[in-house]
Amino acid sequence: MPAQAEVAGKVHVIDGDTLVVGDTRVRLHGIDTPENAQMCGAKGVSPWPCGAWVSDKVRSVYEGANARCSEVDMDGYGRVVAKCFVHGEDVGRQLVAEGLALAYAKYSRDYLGDEASARAAERGLHGMVFERPARYRALKREARAKTGALGQESPLGCRIKGNISRSGGTRIYHVPGQRDYDATVITETLGERWFCSESEARDAGWRRAKR
């Protein structure tokens, strides 16, 4: 995919840190949000769908807005990594300041101060019990390494498997009861994921398996 200096257009929200701007899929630079299917909680705290909650919050503010994005990089999934602006405001900074995203210090230190302020004020995620997304993904990888491909457990209530074809990159989701559901293994490092509903899967660009 050729590099682009700037991306502009209407926003469609995929999840907390991934947008489609115009016709381009964009990963917001320097921030990290809970995975769409991520459940948060701790001992004594009931699990709650923090990833879906953040995605809905971001969608309520930015869906359909006009954005201009300055490309920073490309990621391993072919997405443009960029800083995006709506009405002149840095979307990433706004999300971190509201406690809907975390500063992703591995890639940028731009928003560390905004996260510190949100944490001190207990805004958004910081007023709740949650797992940092990077740690959540690391724990999932460790669990897969220990258990192997079989015996995968889905996030609570999120049993739809979003698979990516190794040959053509086609994004197909499988629901329980379909022919290939049990044999399908989700590898999140390749961009595959769990979905909580078919509408969520379709909105993210997946289509239902024919059988």
Protein backbone atom coordinates (compact mmCIF):
# COMPACT_ATOMS: atom_id res chain seq x y z
CA MET A 1 0.00 0.00 0.00
CA PRO A 2 1.58 3.34 -1.00
CA ALA A 3 2.23 5.86 1.75
CA GLN A 4 -0.09 8.85 1.95
CA ALA A 5 0.87 12.23 3.36
CA GLU A 6 -2.68 13.02 4.40
CA VAL A 7 -6.01 11.19 4.68
CA ALA A 8 -9.29 13.06 4.87
CA GLY A 9 -12.99 12.21 4.88
CA LYS A 10 -15.92 11.13 7.00
CA VAL A 11 -15.23 8.90 9.98
CA HIS A 12 -16.56 5.40 10.51
CA VAL A 13 -15.55 4.01 13.91
CA ILE A 14 -14.33 0.40 13.95
CA ASP A 15 -13.22 0.39 17.59
CA GLY A 16 -11.69 2.77 20.10
CA ASP A 17 -8.43 3.34 18.26
CA THR A 18 -9.25 2.26 14.70
CA LEU A 19 -11.22 4.36 12.22
CA VAL A 20 -12.08 4.34 8.58
CA VAL A 21 -11.50 7.88 7.28
CA GLY A 22 -12.90 8.28 3.80
CA ASP A 23 -11.83 4.97 2.25
CA THR A 24 -8.72 4.47 4.40
CA ARG A 25 -8.40 2.32 7.52
CA VAL A 26 -6.51 4.30 10.16
CA ARG A 27 -4.93 3.24 13.45
CA LEU A 28 -4.66 6.28 15.72
CA HIS A 29 -1.02 7.00 16.60
CA GLY A 30 0.20 6.99 20.18
CA ILE A 31 -2.92 5.63 21.91
CA ASP A 32 -4.25 2.23 22.92
CA THR A 33 -7.80 1.21 23.84
CA PRO A 34 -9.32 -2.03 25.14
CA GLU A 35 -9.94 -4.64 22.45
CA ASN A 36 -13.54 -4.65 21.18
CA ALA A 37 -14.19 -8.04 22.79
CA GLN A 38 -12.17 -7.29 25.95
CA MET A 39 -13.88 -7.86 29.27
CA CYS A 40 -12.54 -6.00 32.30
CA GLY A 41 -12.84 -6.58 36.00
CA ALA A 42 -11.00 -8.16 38.90
CA LYS A 43 -11.60 -10.45 41.83
CA GLY A 44 -14.82 -9.30 43.45
CA VAL A 45 -15.75 -7.11 40.46
CA SER A 46 -18.17 -8.48 37.87
CA PRO A 47 -16.72 -8.64 34.34
CA TRP A 48 -17.94 -5.84 32.10
CA PRO A 49 -17.46 -5.22 28.35
CA CYS A 50 -14.96 -2.38 28.57
CA GLY A 51 -13.85 -2.70 24.94
CA ALA A 52 -17.38 -2.41 23.55
CA TRP A 53 -18.10 0.42 26.01
CA VAL A 54 -15.14 2.46 24.77
CA SER A 55 -16.01 1.77 21.12
CA ASP A 56 -19.58 2.96 21.69
CA LYS A 57 -18.36 6.13 23.42
CA VAL A 58 -15.96 6.93 20.56
CA ARG A 59 -18.68 6.16 18.00
CA SER A 60 -21.14 8.50 19.70
CA VAL A 61 -18.72 11.43 19.31
CA TYR A 62 -16.92 10.82 16.02
CA GLU A 63 -19.12 8.66 13.78
CA GLY A 64 -19.83 10.66 10.60
CA ALA A 65 -17.53 13.54 11.53
CA ASN A 66 -15.08 14.98 9.01
CA ALA A 67 -11.47 14.22 9.88
CA ARG A 68 -8.03 15.07 8.52
CA CYS A 69 -5.21 12.68 9.38
CA SER A 70 -1.46 13.05 9.05
CA GLU A 71 0.26 9.74 8.39
CA VAL A 72 3.03 8.68 10.77
CA ASP A 73 3.62 5.06 9.77
CA MET A 74 2.07 1.85 8.44
CA ASP A 75 1.38 -1.10 10.75
CA GLY A 76 1.69 -4.82 10.17
CA TYR A 77 -1.99 -5.10 9.23
CA GLY A 78 -1.73 -2.62 6.38
CA ARG A 79 -3.38 0.22 8.29
CA VAL A 80 -2.21 3.81 8.07
CA VAL A 81 -0.98 4.91 11.51
CA ALA A 82 -1.85 8.59 11.83
CA LYS A 83 -2.78 11.51 14.01
CA CYS A 84 -6.33 12.56 13.19
CA PHE A 85 -8.02 15.89 13.78
CA VAL A 86 -11.72 16.78 13.96
CA HIS A 87 -12.63 20.47 14.21
CA GLY A 88 -8.92 21.10 14.71
CA GLU A 89 -8.76 18.91 17.84
CA ASP A 90 -6.38 15.96 18.07
CA VAL A 91 -8.68 12.91 18.38
CA GLY A 92 -6.05 10.80 20.14
CA ARG A 93 -5.38 13.50 22.72
CA GLN A 94 -9.11 13.97 23.34
CA LEU A 95 -9.66 10.25 23.89
CA VAL A 96 -6.76 9.99 26.35
CA ALA A 97 -7.85 13.14 28.19
CA GLU A 98 -11.38 11.72 28.59
CA GLY A 99 -10.06 8.41 29.90
CA LEU A 100 -11.31 6.45 26.89
CA ALA A 101 -7.79 5.61 25.70
CA LEU A 102 -4.35 5.18 27.20
CA ALA A 103 -1.09 6.71 26.06
CA TYR A 104 0.81 4.04 24.12
CA ALA A 105 4.29 4.91 25.39
CA LYS A 106 5.85 2.09 23.37
CA TYR A 107 5.26 4.20 20.26
CA SER A 108 4.83 7.77 21.50
CA ARG A 109 5.17 9.86 24.65
CA ASP A 110 2.92 12.62 23.32
CA TYR A 111 -0.05 11.82 25.54
CA LEU A 112 1.53 10.71 28.81
CA GLY A 113 0.59 13.97 30.54
CA ASP A 114 -3.00 13.68 29.34
CA GLU A 115 -3.24 10.16 30.75
CA ALA A 116 -1.80 11.27 34.08
CA SER A 117 -4.44 14.02 34.35
CA ALA A 118 -7.27 11.64 33.42
CA ARG A 119 -6.05 9.08 35.95
CA ALA A 120 -5.83 11.68 38.72
CA ALA A 121 -9.40 12.80 37.98
CA GLU A 122 -10.60 9.17 37.61
CA ARG A 123 -12.13 9.94 34.24
CA GLY A 124 -13.48 7.17 32.01
CA LEU A 125 -11.61 3.90 32.41
CA HIS A 126 -9.58 5.32 35.29
CA GLY A 127 -12.70 5.38 37.48
CA MET A 128 -13.20 1.64 36.94
CA VAL A 129 -11.34 -1.65 37.18
CA PHE A 130 -9.71 -2.52 33.86
CA GLU A 131 -6.73 -4.30 32.32
CA ARG A 132 -4.36 -2.26 30.18
CA PRO A 133 -4.92 -3.44 26.58
CA ALA A 134 -1.25 -4.29 25.97
CA ARG A 135 -1.20 -6.53 29.05
CA TYR A 136 -4.54 -8.08 28.07
CA ARG A 137 -3.11 -9.01 24.66
CA ALA A 138 0.09 -10.35 26.23
CA LEU A 139 -1.88 -12.56 28.65
CA LYS A 140 -3.97 -13.88 25.76
CA ARG A 141 -0.79 -14.76 23.86
CA GLU A 142 0.64 -16.52 26.91
CA ALA A 143 -2.57 -18.50 27.39
CA ARG A 144 -2.53 -19.59 23.75
CA ALA A 145 1.10 -20.65 24.05
CA LYS A 146 0.27 -22.81 27.08
CA THR A 147 -2.93 -24.40 25.81
CA GLY A 148 -2.10 -24.58 22.11
CA ALA A 149 -4.57 -24.06 19.31
CA LEU A 150 -7.28 -26.28 20.79
CA GLY A 151 -9.33 -25.39 23.81
CA GLN A 152 -9.64 -21.67 23.01
CA GLU A 153 -11.99 -19.82 25.32
CA SER A 154 -14.02 -16.92 23.99
CA PRO A 155 -14.49 -13.67 25.92
CA LEU A 156 -17.68 -13.76 27.97
CA GLY A 157 -20.64 -13.43 25.62
CA CYS A 158 -18.42 -12.92 22.53
CA ARG A 159 -18.45 -16.26 20.68
CA ILE A 160 -18.34 -15.18 17.03
CA LYS A 161 -14.99 -15.99 15.41
CA GLY A 162 -13.55 -13.45 12.99
CA ASN A 163 -11.13 -15.38 10.77
CA ILE A 164 -8.79 -14.02 8.06
CA SER A 165 -8.06 -16.27 5.08
CA ARG A 166 -4.34 -17.06 4.81
CA SER A 167 -4.59 -17.20 1.01
CA GLY A 168 -6.52 -14.10 0.00
CA GLY A 169 -6.89 -12.15 3.24
CA THR A 170 -10.69 -12.46 3.14
CA ARG A 171 -12.34 -11.59 6.46
CA ILE A 172 -15.03 -14.15 7.35
CA TYR A 173 -16.85 -14.68 10.63
CA HIS A 174 -18.23 -17.98 11.94
CA VAL A 175 -21.10 -18.30 14.41
CA PRO A 176 -21.63 -21.28 16.74
CA GLY A 177 -23.28 -24.14 14.86
CA GLN A 178 -21.71 -23.43 11.48
CA ARG A 179 -19.70 -26.20 9.81
CA ASP A 180 -16.21 -24.75 10.35
CA TYR A 181 -16.83 -23.01 13.68
CA ASP A 182 -15.13 -25.57 15.94
CA ALA A 183 -12.12 -25.94 13.63
CA THR A 184 -11.54 -22.19 13.37
CA VAL A 185 -8.78 -20.87 15.63
CA ILE A 186 -8.48 -17.16 16.39
CA THR A 187 -4.94 -15.75 16.15
CA GLU A 188 -5.13 -12.16 17.33
CA THR A 189 -1.55 -11.36 16.32
CA LEU A 190 -2.68 -11.83 12.70
CA GLY A 191 -5.60 -9.45 13.13
CA GLU A 192 -8.22 -12.13 13.84
CA ARG A 193 -10.66 -11.47 16.65
CA TRP A 194 -13.79 -12.40 18.59
CA PHE A 195 -17.07 -10.55 18.09
CA CYS A 196 -20.00 -10.18 20.43
CA SER A 197 -22.63 -9.80 17.68
CA GLU A 198 -22.97 -10.26 13.93
CA SER A 199 -23.63 -6.54 13.45
CA GLU A 200 -20.32 -5.77 15.20
CA ALA A 201 -18.55 -8.20 12.85
CA ARG A 202 -20.14 -6.70 9.74
CA ASP A 203 -19.32 -3.16 10.87
CA ALA A 204 -15.69 -4.19 11.29
CA GLY A 205 -15.53 -5.44 7.70
CA TRP A 206 -16.13 -9.18 8.12
CA ARG A 207 -18.76 -11.20 6.19
CA ARG A 208 -20.61 -14.29 7.41
CA ALA A 209 -19.30 -17.70 6.36
CA LYS A 210 -21.59 -19.37 3.84
CA ARG A 211 -21.64 -22.69 5.73
